[in-house]
N, C-alpha and C. Protein backbone atom coordinates (compact mmCIF):
# COMPACT_ATOMS: atom_id res chain seq x y z
N MET A 1 13.18 -15.13 4.54
CA MET A 1 11.89 -15.32 2.77
C MET A 1 11.22 -13.80 4.02
N ARG A 2 11.34 -13.23 4.74
CA ARG A 2 10.21 -12.13 5.35
C ARG A 2 11.18 -10.60 4.88
N ILE A 3 12.31 -10.76 4.64
CA ILE A 3 12.97 -9.68 4.30
C ILE A 3 12.68 -9.34 2.66
N PRO A 4 12.01 -10.76 1.65
CA PRO A 4 11.80 -9.84 0.51
C PRO A 4 10.21 -9.68 0.71
N LEU A 5 9.31 -10.26 1.12
CA LEU A 5 8.10 -9.75 1.76
C LEU A 5 7.86 -8.14 2.36
N ILE A 6 8.96 -8.12 3.24
CA ILE A 6 8.52 -6.67 3.54
C ILE A 6 9.41 -5.54 2.94
N THR A 7 9.80 -5.95 2.15
CA THR A 7 10.32 -5.14 1.21
C THR A 7 9.97 -4.80 0.10
N LEU A 8 9.20 -6.01 -0.40
CA LEU A 8 8.02 -5.81 -1.89
C LEU A 8 6.61 -5.51 -1.20
N THR A 9 6.34 -5.18 0.42
CA THR A 9 5.04 -4.89 0.60
C THR A 9 5.19 -3.21 0.86
N VAL A 10 6.45 -2.43 1.19
CA VAL A 10 6.65 -1.48 1.85
C VAL A 10 6.09 -0.98 0.37
N ILE A 11 7.15 -1.55 -0.51
CA ILE A 11 7.29 -0.54 -2.00
C ILE A 11 6.00 -1.32 -3.02
N LEU A 12 4.82 -1.46 -2.65
CA LEU A 12 4.16 -1.33 -3.50
C LEU A 12 2.81 -0.23 -2.53
N ALA A 13 3.24 -0.62 -0.98
CA ALA A 13 2.59 0.34 -0.13
C ALA A 13 2.77 1.63 -0.39
N ALA A 14 4.01 2.01 -0.90
CA ALA A 14 4.17 3.33 -0.77
C ALA A 14 3.55 3.80 -2.12
N VAL A 15 3.96 2.96 -3.44
CA VAL A 15 3.26 3.01 -4.56
C VAL A 15 1.41 3.07 -4.54
N PHE A 16 0.61 2.81 -3.84
CA PHE A 16 -0.53 2.83 -4.01
C PHE A 16 -1.27 3.51 -2.89
N LEU A 17 0.53 3.75 -2.27
CA LEU A 17 -0.72 5.66 -1.57
C LEU A 17 -0.51 6.34 -2.13
N SER A 18 0.69 6.70 -2.69
CA SER A 18 0.47 8.05 -4.24
C SER A 18 -0.88 7.59 -5.17
N VAL A 19 -0.26 6.01 -5.43
CA VAL A 19 -2.16 6.83 -6.55
C VAL A 19 -3.12 6.99 -6.16
N GLY A 20 -3.24 5.93 -4.91
CA GLY A 20 -5.27 6.29 -4.25
C GLY A 20 -4.98 7.45 -3.20
N LEU A 21 -4.01 8.41 -3.66
CA LEU A 21 -4.37 9.79 -2.79
C LEU A 21 -4.60 10.29 -3.89
N SER A 22 -3.71 10.19 -4.86
CA SER A 22 -3.97 11.36 -5.89
C SER A 22 -5.31 10.92 -6.84
N LYS A 23 -5.78 9.40 -6.57
CA LYS A 23 -7.08 9.16 -7.09
C LYS A 23 -8.30 10.48 -6.47
N LEU A 24 -8.17 10.28 -4.84
CA LEU A 24 -9.49 10.32 -3.69
C LEU A 24 -8.88 12.06 -4.54
N LEU A 25 -8.01 12.79 -4.70
CA LEU A 25 -8.21 14.46 -4.70
C LEU A 25 -8.33 14.49 -5.93
N GLY A 26 -8.30 13.84 -7.02
CA GLY A 26 -8.78 14.45 -7.88
C GLY A 26 -7.54 15.32 -9.06
N GLN A 27 -6.70 14.93 -8.52
CA GLN A 27 -4.72 15.76 -8.86
C GLN A 27 -5.88 15.79 -10.53
N GLN A 28 -4.79 16.73 -11.32
CA GLN A 28 -5.35 16.97 -12.43
C GLN A 28 -5.09 16.26 -13.77
N ARG A 29 -3.34 15.98 -13.41
CA ARG A 29 -2.96 14.80 -14.35
C ARG A 29 -3.08 13.14 -13.69
N THR A 30 -4.09 12.97 -12.58
CA THR A 30 -4.25 11.81 -12.54
C THR A 30 -6.10 12.04 -12.98
N ARG A 31 -6.74 13.10 -13.69
CA ARG A 31 -8.38 13.25 -13.87
C ARG A 31 -8.02 12.75 -15.51
N GLU A 32 -6.76 13.35 -15.31
CA GLU A 32 -6.99 13.89 -17.36
C GLU A 32 -6.59 12.16 -17.73
N GLN A 33 -5.43 11.37 -17.39
CA GLN A 33 -5.38 9.35 -17.32
C GLN A 33 -6.35 8.96 -17.57
N MET A 34 -7.20 9.03 -16.09
CA MET A 34 -8.33 8.65 -15.29
C MET A 34 -9.48 8.62 -16.96
N ASP A 35 -10.19 9.97 -16.98
CA ASP A 35 -10.86 10.29 -18.29
C ASP A 35 -10.38 9.79 -20.35
N HIS A 36 -8.91 9.35 -19.91
CA HIS A 36 -7.84 9.11 -21.47
C HIS A 36 -8.71 8.03 -21.62
N ILE A 37 -9.40 6.71 -20.40
CA ILE A 37 -8.82 5.27 -20.10
C ILE A 37 -10.55 5.01 -20.05
N GLY A 38 -11.22 6.12 -19.86
CA GLY A 38 -12.36 6.21 -20.17
C GLY A 38 -13.53 5.63 -18.80
N VAL A 39 -12.49 5.92 -17.09
CA VAL A 39 -12.66 5.63 -15.89
C VAL A 39 -13.82 7.21 -15.87
N SER A 40 -14.97 7.02 -15.01
CA SER A 40 -15.72 8.21 -14.52
C SER A 40 -15.30 8.88 -13.45
N VAL A 41 -15.58 10.29 -12.91
CA VAL A 41 -14.85 10.15 -11.66
C VAL A 41 -15.33 9.71 -10.33
N GLY A 42 -16.76 8.78 -10.79
CA GLY A 42 -16.99 8.58 -9.43
C GLY A 42 -15.93 7.00 -9.10
N LEU A 43 -16.48 6.01 -10.58
CA LEU A 43 -15.00 4.82 -10.35
C LEU A 43 -13.45 5.43 -10.09
N THR A 44 -13.36 6.13 -10.10
CA THR A 44 -11.55 7.17 -10.08
C THR A 44 -11.66 7.39 -8.67
N LYS A 45 -12.37 7.78 -7.71
CA LYS A 45 -13.15 8.18 -6.16
C LYS A 45 -13.30 6.60 -5.30
N ILE A 46 -14.08 5.84 -5.82
CA ILE A 46 -14.19 4.32 -5.88
C ILE A 46 -12.54 3.82 -5.85
N LEU A 47 -11.93 3.60 -6.57
CA LEU A 47 -10.40 3.25 -7.48
C LEU A 47 -9.11 3.68 -5.82
N GLY A 48 -9.63 5.05 -5.72
CA GLY A 48 -9.08 5.93 -4.61
C GLY A 48 -9.21 4.62 -3.32
N VAL A 49 -10.27 4.93 -2.97
CA VAL A 49 -10.97 3.69 -1.76
C VAL A 49 -9.91 3.14 -1.79
N LEU A 50 -10.41 1.66 -3.20
CA LEU A 50 -9.57 0.66 -2.97
C LEU A 50 -8.26 0.84 -2.67
N ASP A 51 -7.31 1.62 -3.09
CA ASP A 51 -5.61 1.53 -2.82
C ASP A 51 -5.46 1.84 -1.91
N LEU A 52 -6.07 2.85 -0.69
CA LEU A 52 -5.34 2.83 0.41
C LEU A 52 -6.45 1.55 1.18
N ALA A 53 -7.20 1.46 1.00
CA ALA A 53 -7.70 -0.10 1.96
C ALA A 53 -6.72 -1.56 1.37
N GLY A 54 -6.03 -1.40 -0.21
CA GLY A 54 -5.07 -2.52 -0.30
C GLY A 54 -3.35 -1.57 0.64
N VAL A 55 -3.21 -1.07 1.25
CA VAL A 55 -2.01 -0.04 1.63
C VAL A 55 -2.38 -0.54 3.11
N VAL A 56 -3.42 -0.29 3.77
CA VAL A 56 -4.07 -0.95 4.58
C VAL A 56 -3.84 -2.36 5.11
N GLY A 57 -3.76 -2.76 4.18
CA GLY A 57 -4.18 -4.54 4.74
C GLY A 57 -2.73 -5.33 3.98
N LEU A 58 -2.27 -4.68 3.42
CA LEU A 58 -0.25 -5.26 3.31
C LEU A 58 -0.13 -3.87 4.33
N ILE A 59 0.29 -3.03 4.57
CA ILE A 59 0.96 -3.26 6.35
C ILE A 59 0.15 -4.05 7.60
N VAL A 60 -1.43 -4.01 7.66
CA VAL A 60 -1.36 -5.23 8.69
C VAL A 60 -1.01 -6.33 8.20
N GLY A 61 -1.45 -6.87 6.87
CA GLY A 61 -0.62 -8.01 6.41
C GLY A 61 0.89 -9.12 7.07
N LEU A 62 1.56 -7.43 7.58
CA LEU A 62 3.04 -8.28 8.14
C LEU A 62 2.65 -8.56 9.68
N PHE A 63 1.75 -8.28 10.22
CA PHE A 63 1.17 -8.57 11.05
C PHE A 63 0.32 -9.77 11.33
N TRP A 64 -0.39 -9.66 10.36
CA TRP A 64 -1.67 -10.58 10.40
C TRP A 64 -1.37 -11.15 8.81
N PRO A 65 -0.88 -12.22 8.66
CA PRO A 65 -1.00 -13.26 6.55
C PRO A 65 -2.08 -12.72 6.11
N PRO A 66 -3.11 -12.99 6.77
CA PRO A 66 -4.64 -13.20 6.15
C PRO A 66 -4.50 -11.70 5.49
N ALA A 67 -4.39 -10.92 6.07
CA ALA A 67 -4.70 -9.43 6.07
C ALA A 67 -4.30 -9.00 4.47
N GLY A 68 -2.95 -9.35 4.73
CA GLY A 68 -1.55 -8.93 2.98
C GLY A 68 -2.06 -9.91 2.01
N ILE A 69 -2.98 -10.86 2.04
CA ILE A 69 -2.99 -11.71 1.56
C ILE A 69 -4.21 -11.34 0.47
N ALA A 70 -5.27 -11.07 1.39
CA ALA A 70 -6.37 -10.50 0.77
C ALA A 70 -6.10 -9.11 0.34
N ALA A 71 -5.22 -8.40 0.41
CA ALA A 71 -4.91 -7.25 0.07
C ALA A 71 -4.40 -7.03 -1.13
N ALA A 72 -3.46 -8.30 -1.13
CA ALA A 72 -2.79 -8.30 -1.98
C ALA A 72 -3.39 -8.91 -3.72
N VAL A 73 -4.41 -10.27 -2.98
CA VAL A 73 -5.48 -10.45 -4.71
C VAL A 73 -5.94 -9.17 -4.70
N GLY A 74 -6.50 -8.92 -3.77
CA GLY A 74 -7.46 -7.22 -4.51
C GLY A 74 -6.90 -6.41 -5.05
N ILE A 75 -5.70 -6.42 -5.04
CA ILE A 75 -4.74 -5.29 -5.73
C ILE A 75 -4.56 -6.06 -7.21
N VAL A 76 -4.50 -7.16 -7.14
CA VAL A 76 -4.01 -8.06 -8.46
C VAL A 76 -5.43 -7.74 -9.59
N LEU A 77 -6.46 -8.06 -8.57
CA LEU A 77 -7.43 -8.33 -9.28
C LEU A 77 -7.97 -6.07 -10.39
N GLU A 78 -7.61 -5.36 -9.34
CA GLU A 78 -7.79 -4.40 -9.48
C GLU A 78 -6.56 -3.91 -10.91
N MET A 79 -6.02 -4.28 -10.58
CA MET A 79 -4.73 -3.64 -11.65
C MET A 79 -4.89 -5.30 -13.25
N ILE A 80 -5.82 -6.13 -12.92
CA ILE A 80 -5.84 -6.50 -14.20
C ILE A 80 -6.90 -5.61 -14.31
N GLY A 81 -7.76 -5.53 -14.24
CA GLY A 81 -9.03 -3.66 -14.93
C GLY A 81 -8.24 -2.87 -15.31
N ALA A 82 -6.97 -3.14 -14.63
CA ALA A 82 -6.43 -1.53 -15.24
C ALA A 82 -6.20 -1.14 -16.55
N VAL A 83 -5.11 -3.10 -16.68
CA VAL A 83 -4.65 -3.61 -18.54
C VAL A 83 -5.88 -3.27 -18.99
N ILE A 84 -6.93 -3.85 -18.89
CA ILE A 84 -8.00 -4.22 -20.17
C ILE A 84 -8.46 -2.40 -20.51
N TYR A 85 -8.94 -1.94 -19.40
CA TYR A 85 -9.11 -0.61 -19.26
C TYR A 85 -7.70 0.66 -20.76
N HIS A 86 -6.60 0.10 -20.08
CA HIS A 86 -5.65 0.58 -20.73
C HIS A 86 -5.36 -0.07 -21.94
N LEU A 87 -5.71 -0.98 -22.20
CA LEU A 87 -5.56 -2.00 -23.76
C LEU A 87 -7.03 -1.19 -24.47
N ARG A 88 -8.02 -1.24 -24.11
CA ARG A 88 -9.23 -0.64 -24.83
C ARG A 88 -9.09 0.38 -25.23
N ALA A 89 -8.43 1.23 -24.24
CA ALA A 89 -8.21 2.81 -24.74
C ALA A 89 -7.08 2.76 -26.08
N ARG A 90 -6.39 1.68 -26.04
CA ARG A 90 -5.38 1.87 -27.22
C ARG A 90 -4.19 2.71 -27.29
N ASP A 91 -3.88 1.95 -25.65
CA ASP A 91 -2.43 3.11 -25.12
C ASP A 91 -1.31 2.26 -25.68
N PRO A 92 -0.43 2.61 -25.91
CA PRO A 92 0.65 1.25 -25.99
C PRO A 92 1.13 0.71 -25.37
N LEU A 93 1.52 -0.34 -25.64
CA LEU A 93 1.35 -1.19 -24.80
C LEU A 93 2.55 -1.36 -23.90
N PRO A 94 3.57 -1.09 -23.65
CA PRO A 94 4.48 -0.41 -22.26
C PRO A 94 3.45 0.64 -21.68
N VAL A 95 3.00 0.94 -21.95
CA VAL A 95 1.42 1.79 -20.99
C VAL A 95 0.77 0.66 -20.47
N SER A 96 -0.07 -0.15 -21.31
CA SER A 96 -0.95 -1.24 -20.85
C SER A 96 -0.60 -2.03 -19.97
N LEU A 97 0.69 -2.88 -19.97
CA LEU A 97 1.35 -3.68 -19.51
C LEU A 97 1.47 -3.56 -18.58
N MET A 98 1.73 -1.99 -17.68
CA MET A 98 2.86 -1.36 -16.78
C MET A 98 1.28 -2.27 -15.34
N PRO A 99 0.64 -1.88 -15.33
CA PRO A 99 -0.52 -2.11 -14.08
C PRO A 99 -0.59 -3.98 -14.23
N LEU A 100 0.26 -4.73 -14.87
CA LEU A 100 0.85 -6.22 -15.04
C LEU A 100 1.28 -6.00 -13.84
N LEU A 101 2.52 -5.56 -14.49
CA LEU A 101 3.93 -5.74 -13.20
C LEU A 101 3.64 -5.66 -11.68
N PHE A 102 2.89 -4.57 -11.77
CA PHE A 102 2.20 -4.30 -10.82
C PHE A 102 1.35 -5.57 -9.56
N ALA A 103 0.00 -6.52 -11.09
CA ALA A 103 -0.12 -7.21 -10.62
C ALA A 103 0.55 -8.80 -9.90
N VAL A 104 1.43 -8.55 -11.06
CA VAL A 104 3.01 -9.63 -10.31
C VAL A 104 3.38 -9.17 -8.78
N ALA A 105 3.91 -7.87 -9.02
CA ALA A 105 4.43 -8.59 -7.60
C ALA A 105 3.72 -7.89 -6.39
N ALA A 106 2.48 -7.66 -6.16
CA ALA A 106 1.18 -8.19 -5.63
C ALA A 106 0.70 -9.46 -5.64
N GLY A 107 0.62 -10.35 -6.18
CA GLY A 107 0.62 -11.61 -6.67
C GLY A 107 2.05 -12.61 -5.79
N ALA A 108 3.17 -11.62 -5.77
CA ALA A 108 4.51 -11.84 -5.19
C ALA A 108 4.13 -11.70 -3.39
N VAL A 109 3.48 -11.14 -3.66
CA VAL A 109 3.62 -11.06 -1.70
C VAL A 109 2.07 -11.36 -1.35
N ALA A 110 1.39 -12.14 -2.44
CA ALA A 110 0.34 -13.11 -1.66
C ALA A 110 1.28 -14.71 -1.71
N VAL A 111 2.01 -14.68 -2.35
CA VAL A 111 2.55 -16.02 -2.79
C VAL A 111 3.60 -15.60 -1.29
N LEU A 112 4.79 -14.82 -1.50
CA LEU A 112 5.38 -15.26 0.04
C LEU A 112 4.80 -14.88 1.83
N HIS A 113 3.61 -15.13 1.61
CA HIS A 113 2.73 -14.48 3.02
C HIS A 113 2.26 -15.81 2.39
N VAL A 114 1.70 -17.18 1.88
CA VAL A 114 1.28 -18.23 2.22
C VAL A 114 3.01 -19.08 2.18
N LEU A 115 4.38 -18.46 1.67
CA LEU A 115 5.25 -19.80 1.63
C LEU A 115 5.51 -19.65 2.77
N ALA A 116 5.61 -18.19 4.05
CA ALA A 116 5.74 -18.16 4.93
C ALA A 116 5.20 -18.40 6.36
N GLY A 117 3.81 -19.16 5.90
CA GLY A 117 3.26 -20.30 6.81
C GLY A 117 2.50 -19.26 8.11
């Protein structure tokens, strides 16, 4: 059970590191996308910080599982919010459901931590 947990954790951490940095640095494409779904610059920065906190929590969770569980739950909640924002912006269904995929992956990390005991 440890290999799937480590693999999924590393993949999620890499994705959220990239996404979080792009939000914090205000990259043009990210800014346009966030504007499109109605997220302010201030909220975008907050989400970037939360993404990076999630990365830290996921990695620390490999050594201290409660941190990994907390980070995974936080990512699930953020991704549920992202789905709502995409649906409100009337984005195509595949775009709207992409955050749901990350929510499921983060949920799997939390479950794997619990099962690993």
